[in-house]
Amino acid sequence: MQNSIAAGRRLAVRVVAAQAAATVLVAAGFAWHGWSDALAVLAGGGVVVLGTIVLALRVFAGPPAAAGTVLARMIVGNLLRWCVIGIGLYLTLVKAALPGLPIIAGLVTALLPQLFGLHDAFGQRQPPATVAEKISN
């Protein structure tokens, strides 16, 4: 079974690890400019990592369920994730008064691993052949 709950949990762990690693690398680059910029990158990326953890915990918390229940978990998890990110950005920008550009750099950096497809099909060299392609060969 390709879409098992265990595969989804492994994907969630990979995404969180990739987000954290990317954030730390960018923070190391910003450390040359100053410790406050590096801390801001870590804060911006950390907010996204925390939001992703909240989403994963919400989606995979319960036992296997019907499709409607899983969809509801996903929707609520995404809403919680973006609430965590929004509140985190408010706290880092307004309350902690960290520099804005490094915070946004950390936020964007932590969101990038999801765009690069950390799923199993990403590593495939060729998509499966269609029926028309099989007939023509």
Protein backbone atom coordinates (compact mmCIF):
# COMPACT_ATOMS: atom_id res chain seq x y z
CA MET A 1 0.00 0.00 0.00
CA GLN A 2 1.58 3.27 -1.08
CA ASN A 3 -0.55 5.72 0.88
CA SER A 4 -0.40 4.19 4.31
CA ILE A 5 -0.57 6.16 7.54
CA ALA A 6 3.02 5.16 8.29
CA ALA A 7 4.14 6.65 4.95
CA GLY A 8 2.33 9.89 5.80
CA ARG A 9 4.00 10.04 9.19
CA ARG A 10 7.41 9.46 7.63
CA LEU A 11 6.72 12.23 5.12
CA ALA A 12 5.74 14.60 7.94
CA VAL A 13 8.99 13.85 9.77
CA ARG A 14 11.00 14.41 6.57
CA VAL A 15 9.28 17.72 5.88
CA VAL A 16 9.86 18.99 9.43
CA ALA A 17 13.51 17.90 9.32
CA ALA A 18 14.05 19.53 5.92
CA GLN A 19 12.41 22.75 7.09
CA ALA A 20 14.57 22.86 10.22
CA ALA A 21 17.77 22.09 8.30
CA ALA A 22 17.08 24.74 5.66
CA THR A 23 16.33 27.30 8.36
CA VAL A 24 19.56 26.55 10.22
CA LEU A 25 21.61 26.86 7.02
CA VAL A 26 20.14 30.25 6.17
CA ALA A 27 20.56 31.39 9.78
CA ALA A 28 24.23 30.46 9.57
CA GLY A 29 24.55 32.66 6.50
CA PHE A 30 22.82 35.56 8.26
CA ALA A 31 25.08 35.08 11.30
CA TRP A 32 27.83 36.85 9.38
CA HIS A 33 25.73 39.99 9.48
CA GLY A 34 24.91 39.77 13.17
CA TRP A 35 23.42 37.59 15.86
CA SER A 36 20.08 39.43 15.80
CA ASP A 37 19.63 38.64 12.10
CA ALA A 38 20.47 34.97 12.68
CA LEU A 39 18.02 34.85 15.58
CA ALA A 40 15.36 36.46 13.38
CA VAL A 41 15.86 33.82 10.68
CA LEU A 42 15.60 31.08 13.28
CA ALA A 43 12.44 32.67 14.66
CA GLY A 44 10.81 33.00 11.23
CA GLY A 45 11.70 29.47 10.19
CA GLY A 46 10.93 28.08 13.63
CA VAL A 47 7.40 29.44 13.45
CA VAL A 48 6.82 27.52 10.20
CA VAL A 49 8.38 24.35 11.63
CA LEU A 50 6.15 24.62 14.69
CA GLY A 51 3.10 25.14 12.47
CA THR A 52 3.98 22.05 10.43
CA ILE A 53 4.35 20.01 13.61
CA VAL A 54 0.90 21.17 14.76
CA LEU A 55 -0.55 20.18 11.38
CA ALA A 56 1.08 16.74 11.46
CA LEU A 57 -0.06 16.08 15.02
CA ARG A 58 -3.62 17.04 14.11
CA VAL A 59 -3.77 14.93 10.95
CA PHE A 60 -2.08 11.80 12.34
CA ALA A 61 -3.33 11.98 15.94
CA GLY A 62 -6.28 9.64 15.67
CA PRO A 63 -6.76 6.14 14.38
CA PRO A 64 -7.55 5.47 10.72
CA ALA A 65 -10.88 7.03 9.84
CA ALA A 66 -13.28 7.67 6.99
CA ALA A 67 -12.35 10.07 4.22
CA GLY A 68 -14.61 12.85 5.52
CA THR A 69 -13.03 12.67 8.96
CA VAL A 70 -9.53 12.77 7.51
CA LEU A 71 -10.47 15.75 5.33
CA ALA A 72 -11.85 17.55 8.40
CA ARG A 73 -8.61 16.81 10.27
CA MET A 74 -6.61 18.21 7.36
CA ILE A 75 -8.69 21.39 7.15
CA VAL A 76 -8.57 22.02 10.90
CA GLY A 77 -4.86 21.20 10.94
CA ASN A 78 -4.12 23.70 8.18
CA LEU A 79 -6.17 26.37 9.93
CA LEU A 80 -4.27 25.73 13.16
CA ARG A 81 -0.97 25.78 11.27
CA TRP A 82 -1.62 29.20 9.75
CA CYS A 83 -2.88 30.52 13.09
CA VAL A 84 0.39 29.40 14.69
CA ILE A 85 2.37 31.04 11.88
CA GLY A 86 0.37 34.27 12.10
CA ILE A 87 0.66 34.52 15.87
CA GLY A 88 4.34 33.61 15.70
CA LEU A 89 5.04 36.30 13.13
CA TYR A 90 3.20 38.85 15.24
CA LEU A 91 5.24 37.89 18.30
CA THR A 92 8.56 38.00 16.45
CA LEU A 93 7.91 41.22 14.55
CA VAL A 94 5.96 43.27 17.10
CA LYS A 95 6.72 41.93 20.55
CA ALA A 96 10.33 40.80 20.08
CA ALA A 97 11.07 43.58 17.56
CA LEU A 98 13.38 41.41 15.49
CA PRO A 99 14.39 42.65 12.00
CA GLY A 100 11.72 41.94 9.40
CA LEU A 101 13.74 40.90 6.36
CA PRO A 102 15.55 38.03 8.11
CA ILE A 103 12.24 36.84 9.60
CA ILE A 104 10.67 36.71 6.14
CA ALA A 105 13.81 35.00 4.78
CA GLY A 106 13.47 32.32 7.45
CA LEU A 107 9.75 31.95 6.76
CA VAL A 108 10.25 31.54 3.00
CA THR A 109 13.20 29.21 3.50
CA ALA A 110 11.18 26.94 5.78
CA LEU A 111 8.29 26.83 3.29
CA LEU A 112 10.52 25.88 0.32
CA PRO A 113 11.08 22.16 1.13
CA GLN A 114 7.37 21.51 0.56
CA LEU A 115 7.65 22.86 -2.97
CA PHE A 116 10.48 20.51 -3.84
CA GLY A 117 8.31 17.45 -3.31
CA LEU A 118 9.63 15.41 -0.45
CA HIS A 119 7.37 12.53 -1.42
CA ASP A 120 8.29 9.12 -2.77
CA ALA A 121 7.33 9.84 -6.40
CA PHE A 122 9.71 12.81 -6.59
CA GLY A 123 12.69 10.52 -7.07
CA GLN A 124 11.19 8.56 -9.96
CA ARG A 125 13.02 9.00 -13.24
CA GLN A 126 10.05 8.51 -15.55
CA PRO A 127 6.33 8.61 -14.97
CA PRO A 128 4.44 5.40 -15.69
CA ALA A 129 3.75 4.80 -19.36
CA THR A 130 0.26 5.44 -20.66
CA VAL A 131 -1.69 2.90 -22.67
CA ALA A 132 -1.06 4.85 -25.89
CA GLU A 133 2.69 4.80 -25.26
CA LYS A 134 2.64 1.03 -24.60
CA ILE A 135 0.76 0.38 -27.85
CA SER A 136 3.05 2.57 -29.94
CA ASN A 137 6.16 0.79 -28.68
